[in-house]
Amino acid sequence: MNNGDCIVITNEDIPSLDYITGLVRMNNAGAVSTFSGTTRDEFDGKRVVQLEYEAYVPMASKILHDIVDEARVKWELNKVAVYHRLGTVTVGEVSVVIATSSKHRLDSIHSTEYIIDELKERCPIWKKEVYEDGSVWKGACHKH
């Protein structure tokens, strides 16, 4: 299913939240929910310098489409947008945005949570956390 969904994996900066919510906004949608994942400056007491993302893009894109299709089965959604950035993402920058629209708020809220949780669990996008004193790889294939 496509349903006008927008799924983008990019090395470029992610567009503004206003732009992305505009992609999913519809006149019959009573709700638009979003999630923005940003690089924080600390993890487990370690000072984070930056994150570095890599992906197997063809597989990641397919899995993201599958996750969105699964969300559509579970909830009544109008449109969905998922943007994920690759490359270096410094502290305070956005690495992932998910936006969903639906007639009722709970469909949008729960589907947004489902999409980010499944993306982190299943999608072949790997994150290298770079600390002041070293680094570690994390992601669907690097469980800790």
N, C-alpha and C. Protein backbone atom coordinates (compact mmCIF):
# COMPACT_ATOMS: atom_id res chain seq x y z
N MET A 1 0.84 -1.20 0.00
CA MET A 1 0.00 0.00 0.00
C MET A 1 0.87 1.25 0.00
N ASN A 2 0.45 2.27 -0.71
CA ASN A 2 1.17 3.53 -0.66
C ASN A 2 0.34 4.58 0.04
N ASN A 3 -0.89 4.82 -0.39
CA ASN A 3 -1.79 5.77 0.25
C ASN A 3 -1.22 7.18 0.35
N GLY A 4 -0.30 7.53 -0.52
CA GLY A 4 0.30 8.85 -0.46
C GLY A 4 1.33 9.00 0.64
N ASP A 5 1.77 7.88 1.21
CA ASP A 5 2.77 7.93 2.27
C ASP A 5 4.11 8.41 1.71
N CYS A 6 4.91 9.00 2.58
CA CYS A 6 6.22 9.52 2.20
C CYS A 6 7.26 8.90 3.13
N ILE A 7 8.14 8.07 2.57
CA ILE A 7 9.20 7.43 3.34
C ILE A 7 10.52 7.80 2.69
N VAL A 8 11.37 8.49 3.47
CA VAL A 8 12.62 9.02 2.93
C VAL A 8 13.77 8.67 3.87
N ILE A 9 14.81 8.08 3.30
CA ILE A 9 16.06 7.84 4.01
C ILE A 9 17.10 8.66 3.26
N THR A 10 17.76 9.60 3.95
CA THR A 10 18.56 10.59 3.25
C THR A 10 19.86 10.95 3.98
N ASN A 11 20.83 11.39 3.23
CA ASN A 11 22.05 11.94 3.79
C ASN A 11 21.93 13.45 4.02
N GLU A 12 20.83 14.03 3.59
CA GLU A 12 20.59 15.47 3.72
C GLU A 12 19.90 15.77 5.05
N ASP A 13 19.89 17.05 5.42
CA ASP A 13 19.13 17.46 6.61
C ASP A 13 17.66 17.13 6.41
N ILE A 14 16.99 16.79 7.49
CA ILE A 14 15.56 16.48 7.44
C ILE A 14 14.78 17.80 7.32
N PRO A 15 13.75 17.84 6.48
CA PRO A 15 12.95 19.07 6.37
C PRO A 15 12.33 19.45 7.72
N SER A 16 11.80 20.64 7.78
CA SER A 16 11.19 21.13 9.02
C SER A 16 9.97 20.29 9.41
N LEU A 17 9.66 20.32 10.67
CA LEU A 17 8.48 19.61 11.17
C LEU A 17 7.21 20.15 10.52
N ASP A 18 7.15 21.46 10.29
CA ASP A 18 5.99 22.05 9.60
C ASP A 18 5.83 21.47 8.20
N TYR A 19 6.94 21.33 7.48
CA TYR A 19 6.88 20.76 6.14
C TYR A 19 6.37 19.32 6.19
N ILE A 20 6.93 18.52 7.10
CA ILE A 20 6.56 17.10 7.17
C ILE A 20 5.11 16.93 7.62
N THR A 21 4.66 17.70 8.60
CA THR A 21 3.25 17.59 9.00
C THR A 21 2.33 18.04 7.87
N GLY A 22 2.80 18.98 7.06
CA GLY A 22 2.01 19.38 5.90
C GLY A 22 1.80 18.25 4.90
N LEU A 23 2.74 17.31 4.85
CA LEU A 23 2.61 16.16 3.95
C LEU A 23 1.48 15.22 4.37
N VAL A 24 1.17 15.19 5.66
CA VAL A 24 0.16 14.24 6.15
C VAL A 24 -1.16 14.91 6.51
N ARG A 25 -1.17 16.23 6.59
CA ARG A 25 -2.38 16.96 6.97
C ARG A 25 -3.44 16.82 5.87
N MET A 26 -4.68 16.56 6.32
CA MET A 26 -5.82 16.45 5.40
C MET A 26 -7.04 17.07 6.07
N ASN A 27 -8.00 17.49 5.27
CA ASN A 27 -9.19 18.13 5.83
C ASN A 27 -10.03 17.19 6.69
N ASN A 28 -9.97 15.88 6.42
CA ASN A 28 -10.77 14.94 7.20
C ASN A 28 -10.01 14.38 8.40
N ALA A 29 -8.79 14.88 8.63
CA ALA A 29 -7.98 14.39 9.74
C ALA A 29 -8.19 15.28 10.95
N GLY A 30 -8.65 14.67 12.03
CA GLY A 30 -8.81 15.40 13.28
C GLY A 30 -7.55 15.39 14.11
N ALA A 31 -6.56 14.60 13.68
CA ALA A 31 -5.33 14.49 14.46
C ALA A 31 -4.12 14.35 13.55
N VAL A 32 -3.05 15.00 13.96
CA VAL A 32 -1.72 14.79 13.38
C VAL A 32 -0.78 14.60 14.56
N SER A 33 -0.10 13.46 14.57
CA SER A 33 0.86 13.17 15.64
C SER A 33 2.25 13.08 15.03
N THR A 34 3.24 13.54 15.81
CA THR A 34 4.61 13.50 15.32
C THR A 34 5.56 12.98 16.39
N PHE A 35 6.67 12.45 15.92
CA PHE A 35 7.80 12.10 16.78
C PHE A 35 9.05 12.63 16.10
N SER A 36 9.88 13.34 16.85
CA SER A 36 11.17 13.81 16.36
C SER A 36 12.25 13.27 17.26
N GLY A 37 13.17 12.51 16.69
CA GLY A 37 14.30 12.00 17.45
C GLY A 37 15.51 12.89 17.24
N THR A 38 16.06 13.40 18.34
CA THR A 38 17.20 14.30 18.26
C THR A 38 18.40 13.71 19.00
N THR A 39 19.57 14.14 18.62
CA THR A 39 20.80 13.70 19.28
C THR A 39 20.93 14.42 20.61
N ARG A 40 20.98 13.65 21.68
CA ARG A 40 21.16 14.25 23.00
C ARG A 40 22.65 14.26 23.36
N ASP A 41 23.01 15.02 24.38
CA ASP A 41 24.42 15.22 24.72
C ASP A 41 24.98 14.23 25.72
N GLU A 42 24.15 13.27 26.17
CA GLU A 42 24.61 12.34 27.20
C GLU A 42 23.89 11.01 27.05
N PHE A 43 24.60 9.91 27.31
CA PHE A 43 23.99 8.58 27.36
C PHE A 43 24.74 7.77 28.41
N ASP A 44 24.01 7.25 29.39
CA ASP A 44 24.61 6.45 30.46
C ASP A 44 25.82 7.12 31.10
N GLY A 45 25.72 8.42 31.33
CA GLY A 45 26.80 9.15 31.98
C GLY A 45 27.96 9.51 31.07
N LYS A 46 27.88 9.14 29.79
CA LYS A 46 28.95 9.46 28.84
C LYS A 46 28.55 10.69 28.02
N ARG A 47 29.50 11.54 27.75
CA ARG A 47 29.27 12.74 26.95
C ARG A 47 29.24 12.36 25.47
N VAL A 48 28.10 12.57 24.81
CA VAL A 48 27.94 12.27 23.39
C VAL A 48 28.43 13.46 22.56
N VAL A 49 29.26 13.16 21.57
CA VAL A 49 29.77 14.18 20.66
C VAL A 49 28.87 14.26 19.42
N GLN A 50 28.53 13.08 18.87
CA GLN A 50 27.69 13.01 17.67
C GLN A 50 27.23 11.58 17.48
N LEU A 51 26.27 11.42 16.60
CA LEU A 51 25.83 10.10 16.15
C LEU A 51 26.20 9.98 14.68
N GLU A 52 26.49 8.75 14.25
CA GLU A 52 26.76 8.47 12.85
C GLU A 52 25.86 7.33 12.43
N TYR A 53 25.01 7.56 11.42
CA TYR A 53 24.06 6.56 10.95
C TYR A 53 24.49 5.98 9.63
N GLU A 54 24.34 4.67 9.51
CA GLU A 54 24.52 3.96 8.26
C GLU A 54 23.30 3.07 8.06
N ALA A 55 23.03 2.71 6.81
CA ALA A 55 21.88 1.85 6.53
C ALA A 55 22.11 1.05 5.27
N TYR A 56 21.46 -0.09 5.21
CA TYR A 56 21.30 -0.80 3.95
C TYR A 56 19.98 -0.28 3.39
N VAL A 57 20.06 0.77 2.58
CA VAL A 57 18.90 1.57 2.21
C VAL A 57 17.80 0.77 1.51
N PRO A 58 18.08 -0.10 0.52
CA PRO A 58 16.98 -0.83 -0.11
C PRO A 58 16.18 -1.67 0.90
N MET A 59 16.87 -2.36 1.80
CA MET A 59 16.18 -3.16 2.80
C MET A 59 15.48 -2.28 3.83
N ALA A 60 16.14 -1.21 4.27
CA ALA A 60 15.54 -0.31 5.25
C ALA A 60 14.26 0.31 4.70
N SER A 61 14.28 0.71 3.44
CA SER A 61 13.09 1.28 2.82
C SER A 61 11.96 0.27 2.75
N LYS A 62 12.27 -0.96 2.37
CA LYS A 62 11.24 -2.01 2.31
C LYS A 62 10.65 -2.26 3.68
N ILE A 63 11.50 -2.36 4.69
CA ILE A 63 11.01 -2.64 6.05
C ILE A 63 10.17 -1.47 6.56
N LEU A 64 10.59 -0.24 6.29
CA LEU A 64 9.78 0.91 6.70
C LEU A 64 8.41 0.90 6.04
N HIS A 65 8.37 0.56 4.75
CA HIS A 65 7.07 0.43 4.08
C HIS A 65 6.23 -0.67 4.73
N ASP A 66 6.86 -1.80 5.06
CA ASP A 66 6.14 -2.89 5.73
C ASP A 66 5.59 -2.44 7.08
N ILE A 67 6.39 -1.71 7.85
CA ILE A 67 5.95 -1.23 9.16
C ILE A 67 4.76 -0.29 9.02
N VAL A 68 4.82 0.61 8.05
CA VAL A 68 3.70 1.53 7.81
C VAL A 68 2.45 0.74 7.40
N ASP A 69 2.62 -0.26 6.53
CA ASP A 69 1.48 -1.09 6.14
C ASP A 69 0.88 -1.79 7.35
N GLU A 70 1.73 -2.30 8.24
CA GLU A 70 1.24 -2.95 9.47
C GLU A 70 0.47 -1.96 10.34
N ALA A 71 0.98 -0.74 10.45
CA ALA A 71 0.28 0.28 11.23
C ALA A 71 -1.09 0.57 10.63
N ARG A 72 -1.17 0.57 9.31
CA ARG A 72 -2.46 0.82 8.65
C ARG A 72 -3.48 -0.28 8.94
N VAL A 73 -3.01 -1.50 9.15
CA VAL A 73 -3.91 -2.60 9.49
C VAL A 73 -4.43 -2.42 10.93
N LYS A 74 -3.58 -1.93 11.81
CA LYS A 74 -3.93 -1.80 13.22
C LYS A 74 -4.77 -0.55 13.51
N TRP A 75 -4.53 0.54 12.77
CA TRP A 75 -5.21 1.81 13.03
C TRP A 75 -5.71 2.42 11.72
N GLU A 76 -6.73 3.25 11.83
CA GLU A 76 -7.26 3.97 10.66
C GLU A 76 -6.44 5.23 10.45
N LEU A 77 -5.56 5.18 9.46
CA LEU A 77 -4.67 6.30 9.19
C LEU A 77 -4.98 6.92 7.84
N ASN A 78 -4.78 8.22 7.76
CA ASN A 78 -4.90 8.92 6.49
C ASN A 78 -3.57 8.87 5.74
N LYS A 79 -2.58 9.55 6.28
CA LYS A 79 -1.26 9.59 5.64
C LYS A 79 -0.17 9.42 6.68
N VAL A 80 0.99 8.96 6.20
CA VAL A 80 2.15 8.74 7.06
C VAL A 80 3.38 9.29 6.35
N ALA A 81 4.26 9.93 7.13
CA ALA A 81 5.56 10.37 6.62
C ALA A 81 6.64 9.91 7.60
N VAL A 82 7.70 9.32 7.05
CA VAL A 82 8.85 8.90 7.85
C VAL A 82 10.10 9.41 7.15
N TYR A 83 10.88 10.19 7.86
CA TYR A 83 12.17 10.67 7.37
C TYR A 83 13.24 10.18 8.33
N HIS A 84 14.30 9.58 7.79
CA HIS A 84 15.44 9.17 8.62
C HIS A 84 16.72 9.65 7.96
N ARG A 85 17.54 10.27 8.76
CA ARG A 85 18.80 10.83 8.26
C ARG A 85 19.93 9.83 8.42
N LEU A 86 20.84 9.84 7.47
CA LEU A 86 22.07 9.05 7.54
C LEU A 86 23.24 10.01 7.65
N GLY A 87 24.40 9.45 8.00
CA GLY A 87 25.59 10.27 8.13
C GLY A 87 25.72 10.81 9.54
N THR A 88 26.46 11.89 9.68
CA THR A 88 26.75 12.48 10.99
C THR A 88 25.62 13.40 11.42
N VAL A 89 25.16 13.20 12.66
CA VAL A 89 24.11 14.03 13.25
C VAL A 89 24.65 14.52 14.59
N THR A 90 24.88 15.81 14.69
CA THR A 90 25.47 16.37 15.90
C THR A 90 24.42 16.61 16.98
N VAL A 91 24.88 16.89 18.18
CA VAL A 91 24.00 17.13 19.32
C VAL A 91 22.99 18.23 18.98
N GLY A 92 21.72 17.94 19.27
CA GLY A 92 20.64 18.89 19.02
C GLY A 92 20.00 18.76 17.65
N GLU A 93 20.62 18.03 16.74
CA GLU A 93 20.05 17.86 15.40
C GLU A 93 19.07 16.69 15.36
N VAL A 94 18.16 16.75 14.41
CA VAL A 94 17.13 15.73 14.24
C VAL A 94 17.64 14.61 13.35
N SER A 95 17.41 13.35 13.79
CA SER A 95 17.82 12.20 12.98
C SER A 95 16.62 11.46 12.40
N VAL A 96 15.46 11.56 13.03
CA VAL A 96 14.28 10.86 12.52
C VAL A 96 13.03 11.66 12.87
N VAL A 97 12.08 11.69 11.90
CA VAL A 97 10.78 12.30 12.13
C VAL A 97 9.72 11.36 11.58
N ILE A 98 8.68 11.17 12.38
CA ILE A 98 7.51 10.39 11.96
C ILE A 98 6.29 11.27 12.16
N ALA A 99 5.44 11.32 11.16
CA ALA A 99 4.18 12.07 11.25
C ALA A 99 3.06 11.19 10.71
N THR A 100 1.96 11.15 11.45
CA THR A 100 0.78 10.40 11.00
C THR A 100 -0.45 11.28 11.15
N SER A 101 -1.44 11.04 10.30
CA SER A 101 -2.72 11.72 10.43
C SER A 101 -3.84 10.70 10.43
N SER A 102 -4.88 11.03 11.17
CA SER A 102 -6.04 10.14 11.27
C SER A 102 -7.27 10.96 11.65
N LYS A 103 -8.41 10.33 11.53
CA LYS A 103 -9.66 10.98 11.90
C LYS A 103 -9.70 11.24 13.40
N HIS A 104 -9.24 10.25 14.18
CA HIS A 104 -9.28 10.35 15.64
C HIS A 104 -7.87 10.28 16.22
N ARG A 105 -7.64 10.96 17.33
CA ARG A 105 -6.30 11.13 17.89
C ARG A 105 -5.61 9.85 18.30
N LEU A 106 -6.32 8.89 18.88
CA LEU A 106 -5.66 7.69 19.37
C LEU A 106 -5.04 6.87 18.25
N ASP A 107 -5.68 6.82 17.10
CA ASP A 107 -5.09 6.11 15.96
C ASP A 107 -3.75 6.73 15.58
N SER A 108 -3.71 8.04 15.53
CA SER A 108 -2.49 8.74 15.16
C SER A 108 -1.41 8.59 16.23
N ILE A 109 -1.79 8.77 17.48
CA ILE A 109 -0.82 8.68 18.58
C ILE A 109 -0.22 7.28 18.66
N HIS A 110 -1.06 6.26 18.69
CA HIS A 110 -0.56 4.89 18.85
C HIS A 110 0.24 4.41 17.63
N SER A 111 -0.18 4.82 16.44
CA SER A 111 0.55 4.39 15.25
C SER A 111 1.94 5.03 15.18
N THR A 112 2.06 6.27 15.61
CA THR A 112 3.35 6.94 15.63
C THR A 112 4.31 6.21 16.57
N GLU A 113 3.82 5.86 17.74
CA GLU A 113 4.64 5.10 18.70
C GLU A 113 5.05 3.75 18.12
N TYR A 114 4.11 3.06 17.51
CA TYR A 114 4.39 1.76 16.90
C TYR A 114 5.47 1.87 15.83
N ILE A 115 5.35 2.87 14.96
CA ILE A 115 6.30 3.01 13.85
C ILE A 115 7.71 3.26 14.38
N ILE A 116 7.90 4.15 15.35
CA ILE A 116 9.26 4.39 15.84
C ILE A 116 9.80 3.17 16.59
N ASP A 117 8.96 2.50 17.36
CA ASP A 117 9.42 1.31 18.09
C ASP A 117 9.84 0.20 17.13
N GLU A 118 9.06 -0.04 16.09
CA GLU A 118 9.37 -1.09 15.12
C GLU A 118 10.58 -0.71 14.27
N LEU A 119 10.69 0.57 13.91
CA LEU A 119 11.85 1.04 13.16
C LEU A 119 13.12 0.72 13.95
N LYS A 120 13.15 1.06 15.22
CA LYS A 120 14.34 0.83 16.05
C LYS A 120 14.62 -0.66 16.23
N GLU A 121 13.58 -1.47 16.26
CA GLU A 121 13.74 -2.91 16.49
C GLU A 121 14.15 -3.67 15.23
N ARG A 122 13.61 -3.29 14.07
CA ARG A 122 13.73 -4.14 12.88
C ARG A 122 14.48 -3.56 11.70
N CYS A 123 14.59 -2.26 11.64
CA CYS A 123 15.11 -1.64 10.43
C CYS A 123 16.64 -1.68 10.40
N PRO A 124 17.25 -2.06 9.26
CA PRO A 124 18.70 -2.11 9.17
C PRO A 124 19.32 -0.71 9.01
N ILE A 125 19.12 0.07 10.07
CA ILE A 125 19.76 1.38 10.20
C ILE A 125 20.58 1.30 11.48
N TRP A 126 21.87 1.56 11.34
CA TRP A 126 22.78 1.40 12.47
C TRP A 126 23.29 2.74 12.93
N LYS A 127 23.40 2.88 14.25
CA LYS A 127 23.81 4.13 14.87
C LYS A 127 25.11 3.92 15.62
N LYS A 128 26.08 4.75 15.31
CA LYS A 128 27.33 4.76 16.06
C LYS A 128 27.28 5.97 16.99
N GLU A 129 27.27 5.70 18.31
CA GLU A 129 27.32 6.78 19.28
C GLU A 129 28.78 7.12 19.52
N VAL A 130 29.15 8.35 19.23
CA VAL A 130 30.53 8.80 19.40
C VAL A 130 30.59 9.62 20.68
N TYR A 131 31.39 9.14 21.64
CA TYR A 131 31.56 9.79 22.93
C TYR A 131 32.91 10.50 22.96
N GLU A 132 33.11 11.30 23.97
CA GLU A 132 34.40 11.96 24.15
C GLU A 132 35.52 10.93 24.33
N ASP A 133 35.15 9.74 24.88
CA ASP A 133 36.16 8.72 25.21
C ASP A 133 35.99 7.42 24.43
N GLY A 134 35.39 7.48 23.23
CA GLY A 134 35.23 6.27 22.43
C GLY A 134 33.90 6.25 21.71
N SER A 135 33.52 5.06 21.20
CA SER A 135 32.26 4.96 20.47
C SER A 135 31.73 3.53 20.55
N VAL A 136 30.44 3.37 20.20
CA VAL A 136 29.80 2.06 20.18
C VAL A 136 28.72 2.07 19.11
N TRP A 137 28.59 0.93 18.37
CA TRP A 137 27.55 0.76 17.36
C TRP A 137 26.29 0.22 18.01
N LYS A 138 25.13 0.74 17.58
CA LYS A 138 23.83 0.25 18.06
C LYS A 138 22.90 0.16 16.87
N GLY A 139 21.84 -0.62 17.03
CA GLY A 139 20.84 -0.72 15.98
C GLY A 139 20.23 -2.10 15.96
N ALA A 140 19.39 -2.35 14.99
CA ALA A 140 18.64 -3.60 14.91
C ALA A 140 19.56 -4.82 14.90
N CYS A 141 20.75 -4.69 14.37
CA CYS A 141 21.69 -5.81 14.31
C CYS A 141 22.77 -5.74 15.38
N HIS A 142 22.67 -4.75 16.27
CA HIS A 142 23.68 -4.58 17.31
C HIS A 142 23.00 -4.42 18.66
N LYS A 143 22.31 -5.45 19.11
CA LYS A 143 21.61 -5.40 20.40
C LYS A 143 22.61 -5.37 21.53
N HIS A 144 22.29 -4.56 22.56
CA HIS A 144 23.20 -4.49 23.71
C HIS A 144 22.63 -5.22 24.89
